[in-house]
């Protein structure tokens, strides 16, 4: 499977933005599809995850209540809806896939989100 993230851009604090991750190839229903971000000068940070088959989601404490992950199985897309964005959300956002949360073996190329104050 290959992943391609898109939708990043420059927004202001408090704005919303939706990222998309398009997948090609076979995705197993047991797979986990995640979003991971890396801010300037920071280590890579888990954002959230959705189980492809069941649709169950899990979020980091930093984004819980502000971000929502969804997926469209027919379109083979995963979405990251981000709300109430803060400057500390500025990062390159990657979509990833793997057999379990955090154990991602396939990565997209990343899309930059910049939140101005």
N, C-alpha and C. Protein backbone atom coordinates (compact mmCIF):
# COMPACT_ATOMS: atom_id res chain seq x y z
N UNK A 1 0.84 -1.19 0.00
CA UNK A 1 0.00 0.00 0.00
C UNK A 1 0.89 1.25 0.00
N UNK A 2 0.42 2.28 -0.66
CA UNK A 2 1.09 3.58 -0.66
C UNK A 2 0.14 4.64 -0.14
N UNK A 3 0.68 5.63 0.54
CA UNK A 3 -0.13 6.68 1.15
C UNK A 3 0.32 8.04 0.66
N UNK A 4 -0.63 8.94 0.49
CA UNK A 4 -0.31 10.30 0.07
C UNK A 4 -1.17 11.27 0.86
N UNK A 5 -0.51 12.08 1.67
CA UNK A 5 -1.21 13.06 2.48
C UNK A 5 -1.32 14.39 1.75
N UNK A 6 -2.38 15.11 2.03
CA UNK A 6 -2.58 16.43 1.42
C UNK A 6 -3.48 17.27 2.31
N UNK A 7 -3.55 18.56 2.00
CA UNK A 7 -4.46 19.44 2.70
C UNK A 7 -3.83 20.43 3.65
N UNK A 8 -2.53 20.36 3.82
CA UNK A 8 -1.86 21.28 4.72
C UNK A 8 -1.88 22.70 4.21
N UNK A 9 -1.51 23.63 5.07
CA UNK A 9 -1.49 25.03 4.67
C UNK A 9 -1.24 25.94 5.85
N UNK A 10 -1.38 27.23 5.61
CA UNK A 10 -1.19 28.25 6.64
C UNK A 10 -2.55 28.72 7.12
N UNK A 11 -2.79 28.60 8.43
CA UNK A 11 -4.04 29.03 9.02
C UNK A 11 -3.75 29.86 10.27
N UNK A 12 -4.79 30.48 10.78
CA UNK A 12 -4.65 31.25 12.01
C UNK A 12 -5.13 30.44 13.20
N UNK A 13 -4.65 30.80 14.35
CA UNK A 13 -5.08 30.14 15.58
C UNK A 13 -6.60 30.21 15.69
N UNK A 14 -7.17 29.08 16.07
CA UNK A 14 -8.62 28.98 16.18
C UNK A 14 -9.31 28.46 14.94
N UNK A 15 -8.60 28.43 13.83
CA UNK A 15 -9.18 27.94 12.57
C UNK A 15 -9.28 26.42 12.57
N UNK A 16 -9.93 25.93 11.53
CA UNK A 16 -10.04 24.48 11.29
C UNK A 16 -9.38 24.15 9.96
N UNK A 17 -8.99 22.90 9.83
CA UNK A 17 -8.35 22.43 8.60
C UNK A 17 -8.56 20.93 8.52
N UNK A 18 -8.73 20.42 7.30
CA UNK A 18 -8.90 18.99 7.14
C UNK A 18 -7.78 18.45 6.26
N UNK A 19 -7.10 17.46 6.77
CA UNK A 19 -6.08 16.75 6.00
C UNK A 19 -6.67 15.46 5.45
N UNK A 20 -6.17 15.07 4.29
CA UNK A 20 -6.61 13.84 3.67
C UNK A 20 -5.41 12.92 3.44
N UNK A 21 -5.68 11.65 3.47
CA UNK A 21 -4.65 10.65 3.18
C UNK A 21 -5.27 9.65 2.21
N UNK A 22 -4.76 9.64 1.00
CA UNK A 22 -5.25 8.73 -0.02
C UNK A 22 -4.37 7.49 -0.06
N UNK A 23 -5.01 6.35 -0.04
CA UNK A 23 -4.28 5.08 -0.05
C UNK A 23 -4.49 4.35 -1.36
N UNK A 24 -3.45 3.72 -1.82
CA UNK A 24 -3.56 2.86 -3.00
C UNK A 24 -3.07 1.48 -2.60
N UNK A 25 -3.67 0.48 -3.19
CA UNK A 25 -3.33 -0.88 -2.82
C UNK A 25 -4.29 -1.43 -1.78
N UNK A 26 -4.04 -2.64 -1.36
CA UNK A 26 -4.96 -3.29 -0.44
C UNK A 26 -4.72 -2.86 1.00
N UNK A 27 -5.82 -2.56 1.68
CA UNK A 27 -5.76 -2.23 3.10
C UNK A 27 -6.55 -3.30 3.84
N UNK A 28 -5.91 -3.97 4.77
CA UNK A 28 -6.56 -5.02 5.53
C UNK A 28 -7.45 -4.41 6.60
N UNK A 29 -8.58 -5.04 6.85
CA UNK A 29 -9.54 -4.48 7.80
C UNK A 29 -8.95 -4.39 9.20
N UNK A 30 -7.97 -5.19 9.50
CA UNK A 30 -7.36 -5.16 10.83
C UNK A 30 -6.31 -4.07 10.98
N UNK A 31 -6.00 -3.40 9.91
CA UNK A 31 -4.93 -2.41 9.95
C UNK A 31 -5.33 -1.16 10.73
N UNK A 32 -4.32 -0.52 11.25
CA UNK A 32 -4.47 0.77 11.90
C UNK A 32 -3.91 1.85 10.98
N UNK A 33 -4.68 2.91 10.82
CA UNK A 33 -4.28 4.05 10.00
C UNK A 33 -4.08 5.23 10.94
N UNK A 34 -2.89 5.76 10.97
CA UNK A 34 -2.59 6.80 11.95
C UNK A 34 -2.12 8.10 11.35
N UNK A 35 -2.16 9.11 12.21
CA UNK A 35 -1.58 10.41 11.88
C UNK A 35 -0.50 10.69 12.92
N UNK A 36 0.63 11.08 12.43
CA UNK A 36 1.79 11.40 13.27
C UNK A 36 2.31 12.75 12.80
N UNK A 37 2.78 13.56 13.71
CA UNK A 37 3.29 14.87 13.32
C UNK A 37 4.67 15.12 13.89
N UNK A 38 5.38 16.02 13.23
CA UNK A 38 6.70 16.42 13.70
C UNK A 38 6.83 17.92 13.58
N UNK A 39 6.85 18.59 14.73
CA UNK A 39 6.99 20.03 14.75
C UNK A 39 8.44 20.45 14.60
N UNK A 40 8.68 21.73 14.34
CA UNK A 40 10.05 22.22 14.16
C UNK A 40 10.88 22.01 15.42
N UNK A 41 11.98 21.29 15.27
CA UNK A 41 12.86 21.03 16.39
C UNK A 41 12.32 20.02 17.40
N UNK A 42 11.26 19.32 17.02
CA UNK A 42 10.65 18.36 17.95
C UNK A 42 10.74 16.94 17.39
N UNK A 43 10.52 16.00 18.27
CA UNK A 43 10.49 14.61 17.84
C UNK A 43 9.10 14.29 17.25
N UNK A 44 9.07 13.21 16.52
CA UNK A 44 7.81 12.78 15.94
C UNK A 44 6.83 12.43 17.06
N UNK A 45 5.57 12.83 16.87
CA UNK A 45 4.55 12.71 17.92
C UNK A 45 3.30 12.05 17.35
N UNK A 46 2.81 11.05 18.04
CA UNK A 46 1.55 10.39 17.66
C UNK A 46 0.40 11.37 17.85
N UNK A 47 -0.50 11.42 16.84
CA UNK A 47 -1.67 12.29 16.90
C UNK A 47 -2.93 11.48 17.14
N UNK A 48 -3.16 10.49 16.32
CA UNK A 48 -4.36 9.69 16.46
C UNK A 48 -4.36 8.54 15.48
N UNK A 49 -5.38 7.68 15.64
CA UNK A 49 -5.42 6.45 14.87
C UNK A 49 -6.85 6.01 14.65
N UNK A 50 -7.08 5.31 13.55
CA UNK A 50 -8.38 4.71 13.30
C UNK A 50 -8.17 3.29 12.79
N UNK A 51 -8.94 2.37 13.32
CA UNK A 51 -8.89 1.02 12.81
C UNK A 51 -9.68 0.96 11.50
N UNK A 52 -9.05 0.46 10.45
CA UNK A 52 -9.65 0.54 9.13
C UNK A 52 -11.00 -0.18 9.07
N UNK A 53 -11.07 -1.35 9.63
CA UNK A 53 -12.30 -2.12 9.56
C UNK A 53 -13.38 -1.61 10.50
N UNK A 54 -13.07 -1.55 11.78
CA UNK A 54 -14.07 -1.21 12.80
C UNK A 54 -14.36 0.28 12.89
N UNK A 55 -13.38 1.09 12.49
CA UNK A 55 -13.58 2.54 12.57
C UNK A 55 -13.35 3.12 13.95
N UNK A 56 -12.86 2.34 14.87
CA UNK A 56 -12.59 2.86 16.21
C UNK A 56 -11.39 3.79 16.18
N UNK A 57 -11.48 4.82 16.99
CA UNK A 57 -10.45 5.86 16.99
C UNK A 57 -9.78 5.99 18.35
N UNK A 58 -8.60 6.57 18.30
CA UNK A 58 -7.81 6.81 19.51
C UNK A 58 -6.98 8.06 19.26
N UNK A 59 -6.91 8.92 20.27
CA UNK A 59 -6.23 10.20 20.10
C UNK A 59 -5.24 10.45 21.22
N UNK A 60 -4.24 11.25 20.91
CA UNK A 60 -3.34 11.71 21.95
C UNK A 60 -4.06 12.75 22.81
N UNK A 61 -3.58 12.93 24.00
CA UNK A 61 -4.19 13.90 24.90
C UNK A 61 -4.06 15.32 24.34
N UNK A 62 -3.03 15.55 23.57
CA UNK A 62 -2.78 16.90 23.05
C UNK A 62 -3.85 17.35 22.06
N UNK A 63 -4.52 16.41 21.42
CA UNK A 63 -5.49 16.79 20.38
C UNK A 63 -6.89 16.30 20.68
N UNK A 64 -7.07 15.50 21.71
CA UNK A 64 -8.37 14.94 22.02
C UNK A 64 -9.40 16.07 22.22
N UNK A 65 -10.52 15.92 21.56
CA UNK A 65 -11.55 16.93 21.65
C UNK A 65 -11.45 18.01 20.59
N UNK A 66 -10.32 18.10 19.94
CA UNK A 66 -10.14 19.11 18.88
C UNK A 66 -10.00 18.47 17.50
N UNK A 67 -9.42 17.31 17.44
CA UNK A 67 -9.17 16.61 16.18
C UNK A 67 -10.07 15.38 16.08
N UNK A 68 -10.47 15.07 14.86
CA UNK A 68 -11.31 13.90 14.60
C UNK A 68 -10.77 13.16 13.38
N UNK A 69 -10.61 11.87 13.52
CA UNK A 69 -10.17 11.03 12.41
C UNK A 69 -11.36 10.23 11.89
N UNK A 70 -11.46 10.17 10.59
CA UNK A 70 -12.50 9.37 9.95
C UNK A 70 -11.91 8.70 8.72
N UNK A 71 -12.66 7.77 8.19
CA UNK A 71 -12.18 7.12 6.97
C UNK A 71 -13.35 6.83 6.03
N UNK A 72 -13.04 6.81 4.76
CA UNK A 72 -14.00 6.47 3.71
C UNK A 72 -13.45 5.22 3.05
N UNK A 73 -14.07 4.09 3.35
CA UNK A 73 -13.52 2.83 2.86
C UNK A 73 -13.64 2.74 1.34
N UNK A 74 -14.74 3.25 0.80
CA UNK A 74 -14.92 3.19 -0.64
C UNK A 74 -13.89 4.01 -1.40
N UNK A 75 -13.54 5.18 -0.86
CA UNK A 75 -12.57 6.05 -1.50
C UNK A 75 -11.15 5.72 -1.06
N UNK A 76 -11.01 4.86 -0.07
CA UNK A 76 -9.70 4.53 0.50
C UNK A 76 -8.98 5.78 0.98
N UNK A 77 -9.70 6.54 1.77
CA UNK A 77 -9.13 7.77 2.31
C UNK A 77 -9.32 7.83 3.81
N UNK A 78 -8.36 8.45 4.46
CA UNK A 78 -8.43 8.73 5.88
C UNK A 78 -8.33 10.24 6.04
N UNK A 79 -9.14 10.77 6.93
CA UNK A 79 -9.18 12.22 7.12
C UNK A 79 -8.79 12.58 8.55
N UNK A 80 -8.17 13.73 8.67
CA UNK A 80 -7.87 14.31 9.97
C UNK A 80 -8.50 15.70 10.00
N UNK A 81 -9.63 15.80 10.68
CA UNK A 81 -10.30 17.09 10.83
C UNK A 81 -9.75 17.76 12.08
N UNK A 82 -9.14 18.91 11.88
CA UNK A 82 -8.50 19.61 12.99
C UNK A 82 -9.26 20.89 13.29
N UNK A 83 -9.61 21.08 14.54
CA UNK A 83 -10.32 22.26 14.96
C UNK A 83 -9.60 22.99 16.07
N UNK A 84 -9.97 24.26 16.27
CA UNK A 84 -9.38 25.09 17.31
C UNK A 84 -7.85 24.97 17.28
N UNK A 85 -7.30 25.16 16.10
CA UNK A 85 -5.86 24.98 15.94
C UNK A 85 -5.06 25.99 16.75
N UNK A 86 -3.93 25.53 17.25
CA UNK A 86 -3.05 26.34 18.08
C UNK A 86 -1.67 26.41 17.42
N UNK A 87 -0.90 27.42 17.74
CA UNK A 87 0.44 27.50 17.15
C UNK A 87 1.28 26.25 17.41
N UNK A 88 1.06 25.61 18.54
CA UNK A 88 1.82 24.40 18.85
C UNK A 88 1.41 23.20 18.01
N UNK A 89 0.35 23.34 17.22
CA UNK A 89 -0.03 22.29 16.28
C UNK A 89 0.77 22.39 14.98
N UNK A 90 1.56 23.43 14.84
CA UNK A 90 2.39 23.58 13.65
C UNK A 90 3.34 22.39 13.52
N UNK A 91 3.29 21.72 12.38
CA UNK A 91 4.09 20.51 12.19
C UNK A 91 3.90 19.99 10.77
N UNK A 92 4.76 19.07 10.42
CA UNK A 92 4.51 18.26 9.23
C UNK A 92 3.70 17.06 9.70
N UNK A 93 2.58 16.85 9.06
CA UNK A 93 1.68 15.77 9.43
C UNK A 93 1.84 14.62 8.43
N UNK A 94 2.04 13.44 8.98
CA UNK A 94 2.22 12.24 8.18
C UNK A 94 1.06 11.29 8.43
N UNK A 95 0.59 10.65 7.38
CA UNK A 95 -0.31 9.53 7.58
C UNK A 95 0.51 8.26 7.47
N UNK A 96 0.07 7.25 8.19
CA UNK A 96 0.83 6.01 8.26
C UNK A 96 -0.12 4.84 8.45
N UNK A 97 0.38 3.65 8.16
CA UNK A 97 -0.44 2.45 8.28
C UNK A 97 0.41 1.32 8.84
N UNK A 98 -0.27 0.44 9.56
CA UNK A 98 0.43 -0.70 10.11
C UNK A 98 -0.51 -1.65 10.79
N UNK A 99 0.04 -2.68 11.38
CA UNK A 99 -0.80 -3.73 11.97
C UNK A 99 -1.36 -3.34 13.33
N UNK A 100 -0.79 -2.33 13.96
CA UNK A 100 -1.32 -1.91 15.25
C UNK A 100 -0.97 -0.44 15.47
N UNK A 101 -1.63 0.15 16.46
CA UNK A 101 -1.41 1.57 16.75
C UNK A 101 0.06 1.81 17.08
N UNK A 102 0.64 2.76 16.36
CA UNK A 102 2.03 3.12 16.61
C UNK A 102 3.04 2.24 15.92
N UNK A 103 2.63 1.09 15.48
CA UNK A 103 3.54 0.16 14.80
C UNK A 103 3.33 0.30 13.30
N UNK A 104 3.70 1.48 12.80
CA UNK A 104 3.42 1.80 11.41
C UNK A 104 4.61 1.43 10.53
N UNK A 105 4.30 0.77 9.44
CA UNK A 105 5.36 0.33 8.53
C UNK A 105 5.26 0.99 7.16
N UNK A 106 4.16 1.68 6.91
CA UNK A 106 3.97 2.39 5.66
C UNK A 106 3.72 3.85 6.00
N UNK A 107 4.44 4.73 5.31
CA UNK A 107 4.34 6.16 5.61
C UNK A 107 4.08 6.96 4.34
N UNK A 108 3.23 7.99 4.47
CA UNK A 108 3.06 8.95 3.40
C UNK A 108 4.15 10.00 3.47
N UNK A 109 4.10 10.97 2.55
CA UNK A 109 5.18 11.93 2.44
C UNK A 109 5.05 13.12 3.36
N UNK A 110 3.95 13.34 4.01
CA UNK A 110 3.81 14.46 4.93
C UNK A 110 3.25 15.70 4.28
N UNK A 111 2.50 16.45 5.05
CA UNK A 111 1.96 17.73 4.59
C UNK A 111 2.11 18.74 5.72
N UNK A 112 2.56 19.95 5.38
CA UNK A 112 2.89 20.95 6.38
C UNK A 112 1.68 21.76 6.79
N UNK A 113 1.49 21.85 8.10
CA UNK A 113 0.45 22.71 8.67
C UNK A 113 1.15 23.78 9.51
N UNK A 114 0.86 25.03 9.21
CA UNK A 114 1.43 26.13 9.96
C UNK A 114 0.30 26.94 10.56
N UNK A 115 0.34 27.11 11.88
CA UNK A 115 -0.70 27.86 12.57
C UNK A 115 -0.07 29.13 13.13
N UNK A 116 -0.56 30.27 12.66
CA UNK A 116 -0.04 31.54 13.14
C UNK A 116 -0.88 32.05 14.30
N UNK A 117 -0.24 32.78 15.18
CA UNK A 117 -0.94 33.29 16.37
C UNK A 117 -1.57 34.64 16.10
